Amino acid sequence: MTATPPAALQVSCVQLHWARSLDYNLERTLHYLDAAAALGSRVVLFPEANLTGYYFPEVIRLPADRIQAALDRVCAAAAHRRIWAIVGALRPTADRLLNLAHVVNPAGAIVHQYAKVNLAGRDEKKYCRSGDKLSLFDLDGIQCTLVICRDGRHPELYRIPAMAGAQILFHPSCSSDEIEAVAWKRVAGRAQLPVGPHSKIYHCVANTIGESPDGKQTSSGSSFIRDPGGLPLAEAGFYQEEMITAVLDLSRADRCYPLESIEHPPFLRPHWLKMIEAVKARAHLTPE
């Protein structure tokens, strides 16, 4: 870990189309990585599966070497720009696909990977399998965590890492669904609800926009960066590709609610402590 973590961290979240080609996605990813670095951000978060896209009829045809080559390009760009990047891909394994978020450090190395735990939708459940760890990683001496899309509806996936020290939740998402479901999400509080009011950590969401090629699905947009009280620091629109940016004052992310949960009620304390140690012990594992 870095000896003295920074007091503040500038973060950018990018909102991209979910059903484009790998080549298109790579070009837009490199564009926004440069844009975030030029703006002075230390880390840039991309949506769920931003490199491969989330449109399974196309994703399942992608060769593994093309996906790896695109990821290598992102790693090289992060090293050139000296910026952290969190990028997503649906990647083949011996047993179906994994929906992965890769944390790339400013030297261009992948230092942490997280596989989505709670799968969503018919195609994802058909073609993917779940991950088997929670996310906890160090970013410039700041403890952080990750969830992917549907994972955000399962608070234990980020509250236990918050108990372990995480001050920032990075939340890549692809809220693709039928138009009726997407409209409901917008009316009822978006695809993701802010985690701050019950976790007192920052919540950074990079979501997708756009329609599928057959016009049967769309995505809800509305990426956001919210403070530990749930207040918006930056918000994106419903339909357009864009990047939002905010500076996070880390002194505000005191994690008070998860820490209080460790102590009260007392009979749960030993169980929480065991779970925290289990999360730490598995955090370094590479999903395979």
C-alpha atoms as a PDB file:
ATOM      1  CA  MET A   1       0.000   0.000   0.000  1.00  0.00           C
ATOM      2  CA  THR A   2       0.978   3.626  -0.535  1.00  0.00           C
ATOM      3  CA  ALA A   3       2.296   5.108   2.737  1.00  0.00           C
ATOM      4  CA  THR A   4       0.068   8.193   2.660  1.00  0.00           C
ATOM      5  CA  PRO A   5      -3.214   7.935   0.715  1.00  0.00           C
ATOM      6  CA  PRO A   6      -4.368  11.144  -0.993  1.00  0.00           C
ATOM      7  CA  ALA A   7      -6.972  13.305   0.718  1.00  0.00           C
ATOM      8  CA  ALA A   8      -8.977  13.571  -2.505  1.00  0.00           C
ATOM      9  CA  LEU A   9      -9.349  11.587  -5.711  1.00  0.00           C
ATOM     10  CA  GLN A  10     -10.674  12.773  -9.066  1.00  0.00           C
ATOM     11  CA  VAL A  11     -12.779  10.110 -10.788  1.00  0.00           C
ATOM     12  CA  SER A  12     -14.357   9.982 -14.242  1.00  0.00           C
ATOM     13  CA  CYS A  13     -17.180   7.624 -15.262  1.00  0.00           C
ATOM     14  CA  VAL A  14     -17.872   6.941 -18.929  1.00  0.00           C
ATOM     15  CA  GLN A  15     -21.308   6.162 -20.377  1.00  0.00           C
ATOM     16  CA  LEU A  16     -21.148   4.103 -23.604  1.00  0.00           C
ATOM     17  CA  HIS A  17     -23.343   2.085 -25.962  1.00  0.00           C
ATOM     18  CA  TRP A  18     -23.738  -1.566 -24.908  1.00  0.00           C
ATOM     19  CA  ALA A  19     -24.292  -3.248 -28.300  1.00  0.00           C
ATOM     20  CA  ARG A  20     -21.440  -2.134 -30.551  1.00  0.00           C
ATOM     21  CA  SER A  21     -18.503  -4.040 -32.058  1.00  0.00           C
ATOM     22  CA  LEU A  22     -15.237  -4.780 -30.263  1.00  0.00           C
ATOM     23  CA  ASP A  23     -13.309  -2.450 -32.572  1.00  0.00           C
ATOM     24  CA  TYR A  24     -15.750   0.398 -31.987  1.00  0.00           C
ATOM     25  CA  ASN A  25     -15.741  -0.184 -28.236  1.00  0.00           C
ATOM     26  CA  LEU A  26     -11.953  -0.205 -28.081  1.00  0.00           C
ATOM     27  CA  GLU A  27     -11.729   3.075 -29.998  1.00  0.00           C
ATOM     28  CA  ARG A  28     -14.213   4.788 -27.656  1.00  0.00           C
ATOM     29  CA  THR A  29     -12.502   3.340 -24.579  1.00  0.00           C
ATOM     30  CA  LEU A  30      -9.114   4.688 -25.662  1.00  0.00           C
ATOM     31  CA  HIS A  31     -10.690   8.046 -26.509  1.00  0.00           C
ATOM     32  CA  TYR A  32     -12.207   8.472 -23.061  1.00  0.00           C
ATOM     33  CA  LEU A  33      -9.145   7.164 -21.288  1.00  0.00           C
ATOM     34  CA  ASP A  34      -7.213   9.988 -22.949  1.00  0.00           C
ATOM     35  CA  ALA A  35      -9.986  12.474 -22.168  1.00  0.00           C
ATOM     36  CA  ALA A  36     -10.100  11.540 -18.490  1.00  0.00           C
ATOM     37  CA  ALA A  37      -6.330  11.802 -18.166  1.00  0.00           C
ATOM     38  CA  ALA A  38      -6.309  15.177 -19.936  1.00  0.00           C
ATOM     39  CA  LEU A  39      -8.932  16.411 -17.480  1.00  0.00           C
ATOM     40  CA  GLY A  40      -6.720  15.409 -14.559  1.00  0.00           C
ATOM     41  CA  SER A  41      -8.624  12.341 -13.349  1.00  0.00           C
ATOM     42  CA  ARG A  42      -6.657   9.683 -11.510  1.00  0.00           C
ATOM     43  CA  VAL A  43      -9.084   6.869 -12.354  1.00  0.00           C
ATOM     44  CA  VAL A  44     -11.596   6.272 -15.135  1.00  0.00           C
ATOM     45  CA  LEU A  45     -14.446   3.772 -14.821  1.00  0.00           C
ATOM     46  CA  PHE A  46     -16.074   2.178 -17.882  1.00  0.00           C
ATOM     47  CA  PRO A  47     -19.424   0.308 -18.094  1.00  0.00           C
ATOM     48  CA  GLU A  48     -19.992  -3.398 -17.711  1.00  0.00           C
ATOM     49  CA  ALA A  49     -18.383  -5.367 -20.571  1.00  0.00           C
ATOM     50  CA  ASN A  50     -17.409  -2.126 -22.296  1.00  0.00           C
ATOM     51  CA  LEU A  51     -14.788  -3.797 -24.510  1.00  0.00           C
ATOM     52  CA  THR A  52     -16.758  -6.791 -25.776  1.00  0.00           C
ATOM     53  CA  GLY A  53     -20.176  -5.218 -25.449  1.00  0.00           C
ATOM     54  CA  TYR A  54     -23.072  -7.001 -23.752  1.00  0.00           C
ATOM     55  CA  TYR A  55     -24.991  -8.106 -26.868  1.00  0.00           C
ATOM     56  CA  PHE A  56     -24.596 -11.871 -26.583  1.00  0.00           C
ATOM     57  CA  PRO A  57     -25.351 -12.871 -30.207  1.00  0.00           C
ATOM     58  CA  GLU A  58     -22.135 -11.034 -31.110  1.00  0.00           C
ATOM     59  CA  VAL A  59     -20.122 -11.603 -27.915  1.00  0.00           C
ATOM     60  CA  ILE A  60     -20.242 -15.402 -28.126  1.00  0.00           C
ATOM     61  CA  ARG A  61     -18.549 -15.213 -31.552  1.00  0.00           C
ATOM     62  CA  LEU A  62     -15.556 -13.195 -30.336  1.00  0.00           C
ATOM     63  CA  PRO A  63     -12.233 -15.080 -30.267  1.00  0.00           C
ATOM     64  CA  ALA A  64     -10.409 -14.962 -26.947  1.00  0.00           C
ATOM     65  CA  ASP A  65      -7.237 -13.601 -28.578  1.00  0.00           C
ATOM     66  CA  ARG A  66      -9.085 -10.562 -29.955  1.00  0.00           C
ATOM     67  CA  ILE A  67     -10.479  -9.774 -26.522  1.00  0.00           C
ATOM     68  CA  GLN A  68      -7.029 -10.110 -24.967  1.00  0.00           C
ATOM     69  CA  ALA A  69      -5.491  -7.893 -27.660  1.00  0.00           C
ATOM     70  CA  ALA A  70      -8.057  -5.166 -26.920  1.00  0.00           C
ATOM     71  CA  LEU A  71      -7.328  -5.411 -23.203  1.00  0.00           C
ATOM     72  CA  ASP A  72      -3.592  -5.179 -23.923  1.00  0.00           C
ATOM     73  CA  ARG A  73      -4.220  -1.945 -25.859  1.00  0.00           C
ATOM     74  CA  VAL A  74      -6.061  -0.489 -22.861  1.00  0.00           C
ATOM     75  CA  CYS A  75      -3.238  -1.491 -20.512  1.00  0.00           C
ATOM     76  CA  ALA A  76      -0.691   0.207 -22.770  1.00  0.00           C
ATOM     77  CA  ALA A  77      -2.817   3.365 -22.960  1.00  0.00           C
ATOM     78  CA  ALA A  78      -3.214   3.470 -19.163  1.00  0.00           C
ATOM     79  CA  ALA A  79       0.560   3.213 -18.798  1.00  0.00           C
ATOM     80  CA  HIS A  80       1.111   5.944 -21.385  1.00  0.00           C
ATOM     81  CA  ARG A  81      -1.334   8.257 -19.608  1.00  0.00           C
ATOM     82  CA  ARG A  82      -0.333   7.161 -16.077  1.00  0.00           C
ATOM     83  CA  ILE A  83      -3.948   6.660 -15.066  1.00  0.00           C
ATOM     84  CA  TRP A  84      -5.976   3.931 -13.353  1.00  0.00           C
ATOM     85  CA  ALA A  85      -8.616   2.332 -15.607  1.00  0.00           C
ATOM     86  CA  ILE A  86     -11.418  -0.076 -14.723  1.00  0.00           C
ATOM     87  CA  VAL A  87     -12.569  -1.876 -17.858  1.00  0.00           C
ATOM     88  CA  GLY A  88     -14.996  -4.721 -18.489  1.00  0.00           C
ATOM     89  CA  ALA A  89     -15.178  -7.726 -20.798  1.00  0.00           C
ATOM     90  CA  LEU A  90     -17.113 -10.944 -21.209  1.00  0.00           C
ATOM     91  CA  ARG A  91     -14.266 -13.443 -21.469  1.00  0.00           C
ATOM     92  CA  PRO A  92     -14.379 -17.156 -22.349  1.00  0.00           C
ATOM     93  CA  THR A  93     -13.094 -19.812 -19.936  1.00  0.00           C
ATOM     94  CA  ALA A  94     -13.149 -23.601 -20.011  1.00  0.00           C
ATOM     95  CA  ASP A  95     -16.585 -23.374 -18.412  1.00  0.00           C
ATOM     96  CA  ARG A  96     -18.670 -20.637 -20.081  1.00  0.00           C
ATOM     97  CA  LEU A  97     -17.979 -16.900 -19.970  1.00  0.00           C
ATOM     98  CA  LEU A  98     -17.005 -14.752 -17.009  1.00  0.00           C
ATOM     99  CA  ASN A  99     -18.295 -11.188 -16.774  1.00  0.00           C
ATOM    100  CA  LEU A 100     -15.127  -9.458 -15.587  1.00  0.00           C
ATOM    101  CA  ALA A 101     -14.009  -6.046 -14.396  1.00  0.00           C
ATOM    102  CA  HIS A 102     -10.248  -5.507 -14.735  1.00  0.00           C
ATOM    103  CA  VAL A 103      -8.436  -2.913 -12.608  1.00  0.00           C
ATOM    104  CA  VAL A 104      -5.453  -1.571 -14.549  1.00  0.00           C
ATOM    105  CA  ASN A 105      -2.868   0.486 -12.670  1.00  0.00           C
ATOM    106  CA  PRO A 106      -0.885   3.474 -14.051  1.00  0.00           C
ATOM    107  CA  ALA A 107       1.986   1.148 -14.952  1.00  0.00           C
ATOM    108  CA  GLY A 108      -0.358  -0.759 -17.278  1.00  0.00           C
ATOM    109  CA  ALA A 109      -0.639  -3.884 -15.109  1.00  0.00           C
ATOM    110  CA  ILE A 110      -3.898  -5.634 -14.238  1.00  0.00           C
ATOM    111  CA  VAL A 111      -3.738  -5.676 -10.442  1.00  0.00           C
ATOM    112  CA  HIS A 112      -7.251  -6.893  -9.597  1.00  0.00           C
ATOM    113  CA  GLN A 113     -10.060  -8.742 -11.345  1.00  0.00           C
ATOM    114  CA  TYR A 114     -13.630  -9.288 -10.219  1.00  0.00           C
ATOM    115  CA  ALA A 115     -16.204 -11.613 -11.768  1.00  0.00           C
ATOM    116  CA  LYS A 116     -19.885 -10.693 -11.515  1.00  0.00           C
ATOM    117  CA  VAL A 117     -21.604 -12.763  -8.828  1.00  0.00           C
ATOM    118  CA  ASN A 118     -25.330 -12.215  -9.477  1.00  0.00           C
ATOM    119  CA  LEU A 119     -26.117 -12.848 -13.124  1.00  0.00           C
ATOM    120  CA  ALA A 120     -29.017 -11.068 -14.824  1.00  0.00           C
ATOM    121  CA  GLY A 121     -31.141 -11.837 -17.843  1.00  0.00           C
ATOM    122  CA  ARG A 122     -31.668 -14.969 -19.950  1.00  0.00           C
ATOM    123  CA  ASP A 123     -28.570 -14.648 -22.117  1.00  0.00           C
ATOM    124  CA  GLU A 124     -26.173 -13.931 -19.289  1.00  0.00           C
ATOM    125  CA  LYS A 125     -27.496 -16.842 -17.239  1.00  0.00           C
ATOM    126  CA  LYS A 126     -27.228 -19.095 -20.292  1.00  0.00           C
ATOM    127  CA  TYR A 127     -23.717 -18.173 -21.383  1.00  0.00           C
ATOM    128  CA  CYS A 128     -21.992 -17.057 -18.156  1.00  0.00           C
ATOM    129  CA  ARG A 129     -21.208 -18.423 -14.720  1.00  0.00           C
ATOM    130  CA  SER A 130     -20.908 -16.528 -11.460  1.00  0.00           C
ATOM    131  CA  GLY A 131     -17.756 -15.383  -9.711  1.00  0.00           C
ATOM    132  CA  ASP A 132     -16.830 -16.608  -6.237  1.00  0.00           C
ATOM    133  CA  LYS A 133     -15.237 -13.724  -4.376  1.00  0.00           C
ATOM    134  CA  LEU A 134     -15.927 -10.163  -3.264  1.00  0.00           C
ATOM    135  CA  SER A 135     -13.814  -7.275  -4.460  1.00  0.00           C
ATOM    136  CA  LEU A 136     -11.271  -5.454  -2.303  1.00  0.00           C
ATOM    137  CA  PHE A 137      -8.270  -3.675  -3.794  1.00  0.00           C
ATOM    138  CA  ASP A 138      -5.832  -0.848  -3.175  1.00  0.00           C
ATOM    139  CA  LEU A 139      -5.814   2.238  -5.407  1.00  0.00           C
ATOM    140  CA  ASP A 140      -3.100   4.757  -4.464  1.00  0.00           C
ATOM    141  CA  GLY A 141      -3.433   3.609  -0.851  1.00  0.00           C
ATOM    142  CA  ILE A 142      -7.238   3.910  -0.893  1.00  0.00           C
ATOM    143  CA  GLN A 143      -9.194   0.746  -0.252  1.00  0.00           C
ATOM    144  CA  CYS A 144     -11.875   0.241  -2.918  1.00  0.00           C
ATOM    145  CA  THR A 145     -14.430  -2.352  -3.977  1.00  0.00           C
ATOM    146  CA  LEU A 146     -16.307  -3.347  -7.138  1.00  0.00           C
ATOM    147  CA  VAL A 147     -19.684  -4.760  -8.042  1.00  0.00           C
ATOM    148  CA  ILE A 148     -21.123  -5.276 -11.520  1.00  0.00           C
ATOM    149  CA  CYS A 149     -24.684  -4.220 -12.414  1.00  0.00           C
ATOM    150  CA  ARG A 150     -27.167  -6.602 -10.679  1.00  0.00           C
ATOM    151  CA  ASP A 151     -24.638  -7.151  -7.871  1.00  0.00           C
ATOM    152  CA  GLY A 152     -25.584  -3.683  -6.616  1.00  0.00           C
ATOM    153  CA  ARG A 153     -28.946  -5.037  -5.431  1.00  0.00           C
ATOM    154  CA  HIS A 154     -27.091  -7.295  -2.978  1.00  0.00           C
ATOM    155  CA  PRO A 155     -25.671  -4.952  -0.303  1.00  0.00           C
ATOM    156  CA  GLU A 156     -23.517  -7.582   1.378  1.00  0.00           C
ATOM    157  CA  LEU A 157     -21.254  -7.562  -1.688  1.00  0.00           C
ATOM    158  CA  TYR A 158     -20.051  -4.032  -0.916  1.00  0.00           C
ATOM    159  CA  ARG A 159     -20.908  -3.570   2.779  1.00  0.00           C
ATOM    160  CA  ILE A 160     -18.542  -6.335   3.869  1.00  0.00           C
ATOM    161  CA  PRO A 161     -15.686  -4.784   1.837  1.00  0.00           C
ATOM    162  CA  ALA A 162     -16.657  -1.450   3.442  1.00  0.00           C
ATOM    163  CA  MET A 163     -16.292  -3.119   6.848  1.00  0.00           C
ATOM    164  CA  ALA A 164     -12.838  -4.214   5.661  1.00  0.00           C
ATOM    165  CA  GLY A 165     -11.859  -0.650   4.734  1.00  0.00           C
ATOM    166  CA  ALA A 166     -13.287   0.188   1.289  1.00  0.00           C
ATOM    167  CA  GLN A 167     -14.174   3.887   0.889  1.00  0.00           C
ATOM    168  CA  ILE A 168     -15.230   3.820  -2.782  1.00  0.00           C
ATOM    169  CA  LEU A 169     -17.586   1.495  -4.642  1.00  0.00           C
ATOM    170  CA  PHE A 170     -16.953   1.326  -8.399  1.00  0.00           C
ATOM    171  CA  HIS A 171     -20.067   0.023 -10.129  1.00  0.00           C
ATOM    172  CA  PRO A 172     -19.889  -0.727 -13.867  1.00  0.00           C
ATOM    173  CA  SER A 173     -23.322  -1.538 -15.238  1.00  0.00           C
ATOM    174  CA  CYS A 174     -25.332  -2.386 -18.340  1.00  0.00           C
ATOM    175  CA  SER A 175     -29.013  -1.880 -17.624  1.00  0.00           C
ATOM    176  CA  SER A 176     -30.208  -3.262 -20.974  1.00  0.00           C
ATOM    177  CA  ASP A 177     -33.804  -4.459 -20.858  1.00  0.00           C
ATOM    178  CA  GLU A 178     -37.151  -4.176 -22.628  1.00  0.00           C
ATOM    179  CA  ILE A 179     -38.287  -0.567 -22.943  1.00  0.00           C
ATOM    180  CA  GLU A 180     -41.061  -1.074 -20.356  1.00  0.00           C
ATOM    181  CA  ALA A 181     -38.565  -2.251 -17.734  1.00  0.00           C
ATOM    182  CA  VAL A 182     -36.120   0.540 -18.520  1.00  0.00           C
ATOM    183  CA  ALA A 183     -38.862   3.165 -18.255  1.00  0.00           C
ATOM    184  CA  TRP A 184     -39.859   1.723 -14.891  1.00  0.00           C
ATOM    185  CA  LYS A 185     -36.262   1.884 -13.658  1.00  0.00           C
ATOM    186  CA  ARG A 186     -36.112   5.566 -14.544  1.00  0.00           C
ATOM    187  CA  VAL A 187     -39.373   6.348 -12.747  1.00  0.00           C
ATOM    188  CA  ALA A 188     -38.604   4.175  -9.713  1.00  0.00           C
ATOM    189  CA  GLY A 189     -35.116   5.429  -8.983  1.00  0.00           C
ATOM    190  CA  ARG A 190     -32.863   4.265 -11.820  1.00  0.00           C
ATOM    191  CA  ALA A 191     -31.188   0.947 -12.326  1.00  0.00           C
ATOM    192  CA  GLN A 192     -28.889   1.519  -9.354  1.00  0.00           C
ATOM    193  CA  LEU A 193     -29.767   3.031  -5.994  1.00  0.00           C
ATOM    194  CA  PRO A 194     -27.072   5.051  -4.168  1.00  0.00           C
ATOM    195  CA  VAL A 195     -25.215   3.045  -1.538  1.00  0.00           C
ATOM    196  CA  GLY A 196     -24.072   5.989   0.581  1.00  0.00           C
ATOM    197  CA  PRO A 197     -27.152   6.294   2.825  1.00  0.00           C
ATOM    198  CA  HIS A 198     -26.515   2.828   4.285  1.00  0.00           C
ATOM    199  CA  SER A 199     -22.766   2.433   3.758  1.00  0.00           C
ATOM    200  CA  LYS A 200     -21.226   5.941   3.965  1.00  0.00           C
ATOM    201  CA  ILE A 201     -18.878   5.319   1.027  1.00  0.00           C
ATOM    202  CA  TYR A 202     -18.659   6.907  -2.418  1.00  0.00           C
ATOM    203  CA  HIS A 203     -20.637   5.293  -5.244  1.00  0.00           C
ATOM    204  CA  CYS A 204     -19.372   5.650  -8.833  1.00  0.00           C
ATOM    205  CA  VAL A 205     -21.612   4.182 -11.556  1.00  0.00           C
ATOM    206  CA  ALA A 206     -20.753   3.857 -15.259  1.00  0.00           C
ATOM    207  CA  ASN A 207     -23.850   2.648 -17.108  1.00  0.00           C
ATOM    208  CA  THR A 208     -24.732   2.072 -20.766  1.00  0.00           C
ATOM    209  CA  ILE A 209     -27.044   3.673 -23.315  1.00  0.00           C
ATOM    210  CA  GLY A 210     -28.514   2.684 -26.665  1.00  0.00           C
ATOM    211  CA  GLU A 211     -30.679   0.065 -28.342  1.00  0.00           C
ATOM    212  CA  SER A 212     -29.905  -3.490 -29.432  1.00  0.00           C
ATOM    213  CA  PRO A 213     -29.599  -4.127 -33.205  1.00  0.00           C
ATOM    214  CA  ASP A 214     -33.075  -5.705 -33.268  1.00  0.00           C
ATOM    215  CA  GLY A 215     -34.654  -2.798 -31.367  1.00  0.00           C
ATOM    216  CA  LYS A 216     -36.028  -5.075 -28.661  1.00  0.00           C
ATOM    217  CA  GLN A 217     -33.954  -3.680 -25.796  1.00  0.00           C
ATOM    218  CA  THR A 218     -32.577  -0.357 -24.658  1.00  0.00           C
ATOM    219  CA  SER A 219     -30.528   0.903 -21.717  1.00  0.00           C
ATOM    220  CA  SER A 220     -31.274   3.465 -19.052  1.00  0.00           C
ATOM    221  CA  GLY A 221     -28.142   5.633 -18.927  1.00  0.00           C
ATOM    222  CA  SER A 222     -28.110   7.868 -15.849  1.00  0.00           C
ATOM    223  CA  SER A 223     -24.548   7.147 -14.744  1.00  0.00           C
ATOM    224  CA  PHE A 224     -23.680   8.982 -11.550  1.00  0.00           C
ATOM    225  CA  ILE A 225     -21.113   9.767  -8.891  1.00  0.00           C
ATOM    226  CA  ARG A 226     -22.653  10.145  -5.415  1.00  0.00           C
ATOM    227  CA  ASP A 227     -21.128  11.160  -2.123  1.00  0.00           C
ATOM    228  CA  PRO A 228     -21.282   9.062   1.081  1.00  0.00           C
ATOM    229  CA  GLY A 229     -24.596  10.686   1.990  1.00  0.00           C
ATOM    230  CA  GLY A 230     -26.110   9.730  -1.366  1.00  0.00           C
ATOM    231  CA  LEU A 231     -25.980  13.261  -2.810  1.00  0.00           C
ATOM    232  CA  PRO A 232     -25.148  13.635  -6.506  1.00  0.00           C
ATOM    233  CA  LEU A 233     -21.741  15.040  -7.438  1.00  0.00           C
ATOM    234  CA  ALA A 234     -22.181  14.321 -11.157  1.00  0.00           C
ATOM    235  CA  GLU A 235     -24.954  12.768 -13.250  1.00  0.00           C
ATOM    236  CA  ALA A 236     -25.258  11.707 -16.885  1.00  0.00           C
ATOM    237  CA  GLY A 237     -28.313  11.782 -19.136  1.00  0.00           C
ATOM    238  CA  PHE A 238     -30.529   8.987 -20.421  1.00  0.00           C
ATOM    239  CA  TYR A 239     -29.482   8.649 -24.043  1.00  0.00           C
ATOM    240  CA  GLN A 240     -26.103  10.132 -24.906  1.00  0.00           C
ATOM    241  CA  GLU A 241     -22.553   8.865 -24.730  1.00  0.00           C
ATOM    242  CA  GLU A 242     -20.707  11.057 -22.235  1.00  0.00           C
ATOM    243  CA  MET A 243     -18.179  11.281 -19.411  1.00  0.00           C
ATOM    244  CA  ILE A 244     -18.852  12.690 -15.952  1.00  0.00           C
ATOM    245  CA  THR A 245     -16.204  13.683 -13.410  1.00  0.00           C
ATOM    246  CA  ALA A 246     -16.054  14.540  -9.713  1.00  0.00           C
ATOM    247  CA  VAL A 247     -13.490  15.022  -6.952  1.00  0.00           C
ATOM    248  CA  LEU A 248     -13.995  12.722  -3.959  1.00  0.00           C
ATOM    249  CA  ASP A 249     -13.122  14.129  -0.515  1.00  0.00           C
ATOM    250  CA  LEU A 250     -12.146  10.881   1.159  1.00  0.00           C
ATOM    251  CA  SER A 251     -12.565  12.228   4.681  1.00  0.00           C
ATOM    252  CA  ARG A 252     -16.339  12.047   4.095  1.00  0.00           C
ATOM    253  CA  ALA A 253     -16.247   8.285   3.458  1.00  0.00           C
ATOM    254  CA  ASP A 254     -16.057   7.233   7.106  1.00  0.00           C
ATOM    255  CA  ARG A 255     -17.938   3.899   6.635  1.00  0.00           C
ATOM    256  CA  CYS A 256     -19.801   4.529   9.894  1.00  0.00           C
ATOM    257  CA  TYR A 257     -22.861   2.382   9.146  1.00  0.00           C
ATOM    258  CA  PRO A 258     -21.003  -0.825   8.203  1.00  0.00           C
ATOM    259  CA  LEU A 259     -18.662  -0.330  11.145  1.00  0.00           C
ATOM    260  CA  GLU A 260     -21.619   0.029  13.497  1.00  0.00           C
ATOM    261  CA  SER A 261     -23.077  -3.164  12.049  1.00  0.00           C
ATOM    262  CA  ILE A 262     -19.980  -5.060  13.167  1.00  0.00           C
ATOM    263  CA  GLU A 263     -20.683  -4.106  16.786  1.00  0.00           C
ATOM    264  CA  HIS A 264     -24.467  -4.286  16.975  1.00  0.00           C
ATOM    265  CA  PRO A 265     -26.009  -6.682  17.703  1.00  0.00           C
ATOM    266  CA  PRO A 266     -23.047  -8.216  19.543  1.00  0.00           C
ATOM    267  CA  PHE A 267     -23.905 -11.838  18.698  1.00  0.00           C
ATOM    268  CA  LEU A 268     -23.189 -11.150  15.013  1.00  0.00           C
ATOM    269  CA  ARG A 269     -19.750  -9.607  15.582  1.00  0.00           C
ATOM    270  CA  PRO A 270     -17.727 -12.860  15.378  1.00  0.00           C
ATOM    271  CA  HIS A 271     -19.539 -13.801  12.172  1.00  0.00           C
ATOM    272  CA  TRP A 272     -18.851 -10.412  10.569  1.00  0.00           C
ATOM    273  CA  LEU A 273     -15.174 -10.657  11.526  1.00  0.00           C
ATOM    274  CA  LYS A 274     -14.891 -14.102   9.951  1.00  0.00           C
ATOM    275  CA  MET A 275     -16.505 -12.832   6.746  1.00  0.00           C
ATOM    276  CA  ILE A 276     -14.175  -9.824   6.618  1.00  0.00           C
ATOM    277  CA  GLU A 277     -11.138 -12.103   6.906  1.00  0.00           C
ATOM    278  CA  ALA A 278     -12.543 -14.419   4.234  1.00  0.00           C
ATOM    279  CA  VAL A 279     -13.036 -11.476   1.850  1.00  0.00           C
ATOM    280  CA  LYS A 280      -9.459 -10.314   2.440  1.00  0.00           C
ATOM    281  CA  ALA A 281      -8.072 -13.816   1.956  1.00  0.00           C
ATOM    282  CA  ARG A 282      -9.806 -14.252  -1.429  1.00  0.00           C
ATOM    283  CA  ALA A 283      -9.382 -10.719  -2.769  1.00  0.00           C
ATOM    284  CA  HIS A 284      -6.143 -11.537  -4.609  1.00  0.00           C
ATOM    285  CA  LEU A 285      -7.553 -14.596  -6.411  1.00  0.00           C
ATOM    286  CA  THR A 286      -7.855 -14.323 -10.185  1.00  0.00           C
ATOM    287  CA  PRO A 287     -11.255 -15.500 -11.468  1.00  0.00           C
ATOM    288  CA  GLU A 288     -10.701 -18.459 -13.795  1.00  0.00           C
END
